[in-house]
Amino acid sequence: MDVTDLISKLTSGRYEFSQHAFVRAIERNISGQEVTEAGRCVEIVESYPDDKYSPSCLLLGFTKSGRPLHMQVCYTEEDMLKIITIYEPDVFLWLDYRMRRMP
């Protein structure tokens, strides 16, 4: 997945939420504005080329207020981005939000 294309889709609104991600965004108080803000400068922290339905990746981005967001995304058949899940990474599970801590 090309990070430049991912940024373009996130900042131009060419994405959709899966039902799961939509529910999680509401539960976690993550707004569409925050998705756009975090999408301006995302980086791929994990790739899942053999994911269950289609290749996906885990992105890290920060909102204007500095809130870190992880978004797992994949492409749809319409060449849009689908947000599979979205959350604020737990500092006890992630090193610098980029690397999983070992148990």
Protein backbone atom coordinates (compact mmCIF):
# COMPACT_ATOMS: atom_id res chain seq x y z
CA MET A 1 0.00 0.00 0.00
CA ASP A 2 1.29 3.39 -0.99
CA VAL A 3 1.34 5.83 1.94
CA THR A 4 0.89 8.84 -0.36
CA ASP A 5 -2.32 7.33 -1.75
CA LEU A 6 -3.53 6.47 1.77
CA ILE A 7 -2.97 10.09 2.87
CA SER A 8 -4.80 11.37 -0.21
CA LYS A 9 -7.84 9.19 0.45
CA LEU A 10 -8.00 10.00 4.18
CA THR A 11 -7.69 13.75 3.69
CA SER A 12 -10.13 13.97 0.77
CA GLY A 13 -12.87 11.91 2.40
CA ARG A 14 -12.50 8.93 0.05
CA TYR A 15 -12.92 6.43 2.85
CA GLU A 16 -15.71 4.60 4.58
CA PHE A 17 -16.03 2.96 7.97
CA SER A 18 -16.77 -0.71 8.35
CA GLN A 19 -19.70 -1.29 10.69
CA HIS A 20 -17.21 -2.37 13.35
CA ALA A 21 -15.08 0.77 12.94
CA PHE A 22 -18.15 3.02 12.98
CA VAL A 23 -19.29 1.55 16.31
CA ARG A 24 -15.77 1.75 17.75
CA ALA A 25 -15.34 5.37 16.64
CA ILE A 26 -18.55 6.31 18.46
CA GLU A 27 -17.58 4.33 21.59
CA ARG A 28 -14.11 5.89 21.61
CA ASN A 29 -15.29 9.40 20.76
CA ILE A 30 -13.26 9.59 17.53
CA SER A 31 -14.69 12.11 15.07
CA GLY A 32 -14.44 12.24 11.29
CA GLN A 33 -12.46 15.46 11.72
CA GLU A 34 -9.88 13.55 13.79
CA VAL A 35 -9.62 10.90 11.07
CA THR A 36 -8.86 13.65 8.54
CA GLU A 37 -6.37 15.32 10.88
CA ALA A 38 -4.57 12.06 11.67
CA GLY A 39 -4.68 11.12 7.99
CA ARG A 40 -2.57 14.12 6.97
CA CYS A 41 0.65 12.46 8.05
CA VAL A 42 0.13 8.73 8.58
CA GLU A 43 2.75 6.06 8.55
CA ILE A 44 2.35 2.33 8.07
CA VAL A 45 3.35 0.54 11.27
CA GLU A 46 2.26 -2.99 10.27
CA SER A 47 1.30 -4.61 6.97
CA TYR A 48 -1.07 -7.55 6.62
CA PRO A 49 -0.72 -8.69 2.97
CA ASP A 50 -2.50 -11.99 3.68
CA ASP A 51 -5.37 -10.55 5.73
CA LYS A 52 -8.64 -12.51 5.76
CA TYR A 53 -10.59 -10.58 3.10
CA SER A 54 -8.02 -8.34 1.41
CA PRO A 55 -4.57 -6.92 2.10
CA SER A 56 -4.62 -4.32 4.85
CA CYS A 57 -2.27 -2.31 7.01
CA LEU A 58 -2.18 -0.56 10.36
CA LEU A 59 -1.63 3.19 10.20
CA LEU A 60 -0.49 5.62 12.86
CA GLY A 61 -1.44 9.27 12.70
CA PHE A 62 -1.85 12.15 15.13
CA THR A 63 -4.67 14.65 15.42
CA LYS A 64 -4.00 18.38 15.72
CA SER A 65 -4.31 18.02 19.50
CA GLY A 66 -1.66 15.27 19.46
CA ARG A 67 -4.02 12.33 19.99
CA PRO A 68 -2.49 9.19 18.45
CA LEU A 69 -4.80 7.05 16.33
CA HIS A 70 -4.32 3.61 14.89
CA MET A 71 -6.45 2.80 11.85
CA GLN A 72 -6.46 -0.58 10.16
CA VAL A 73 -7.39 0.02 6.53
CA CYS A 74 -7.87 -1.80 3.22
CA TYR A 75 -9.03 -0.82 -0.26
CA THR A 76 -12.59 -1.42 -1.44
CA GLU A 77 -13.60 -2.55 -4.92
CA GLU A 78 -14.46 1.08 -5.68
CA ASP A 79 -10.85 2.12 -4.93
CA MET A 80 -11.90 3.81 -1.72
CA LEU A 81 -10.27 3.18 1.60
CA LYS A 82 -12.16 1.17 4.20
CA ILE A 83 -11.36 1.76 7.86
CA ILE A 84 -11.67 -1.70 9.42
CA THR A 85 -11.03 -0.56 12.99
CA ILE A 86 -9.85 2.57 14.74
CA TYR A 87 -8.55 3.19 18.23
CA GLU A 88 -6.15 5.14 20.40
CA PRO A 89 -3.18 2.83 21.01
CA ASP A 90 -2.52 1.80 24.60
CA VAL A 91 0.91 3.03 25.78
CA PHE A 92 1.32 -0.20 27.76
CA LEU A 93 0.94 -2.29 24.60
CA TRP A 94 2.87 -0.11 22.14
CA LEU A 95 6.38 1.36 22.15
CA ASP A 96 6.16 4.88 20.73
CA TYR A 97 2.80 3.76 19.22
CA ARG A 98 4.80 2.04 16.46
CA MET A 99 6.00 -1.26 17.85
CA ARG A 100 4.16 -3.85 19.91
CA ARG A 101 5.66 -4.41 23.33
CA MET A 102 6.73 -7.97 24.04
CA PRO A 103 4.67 -9.76 26.73
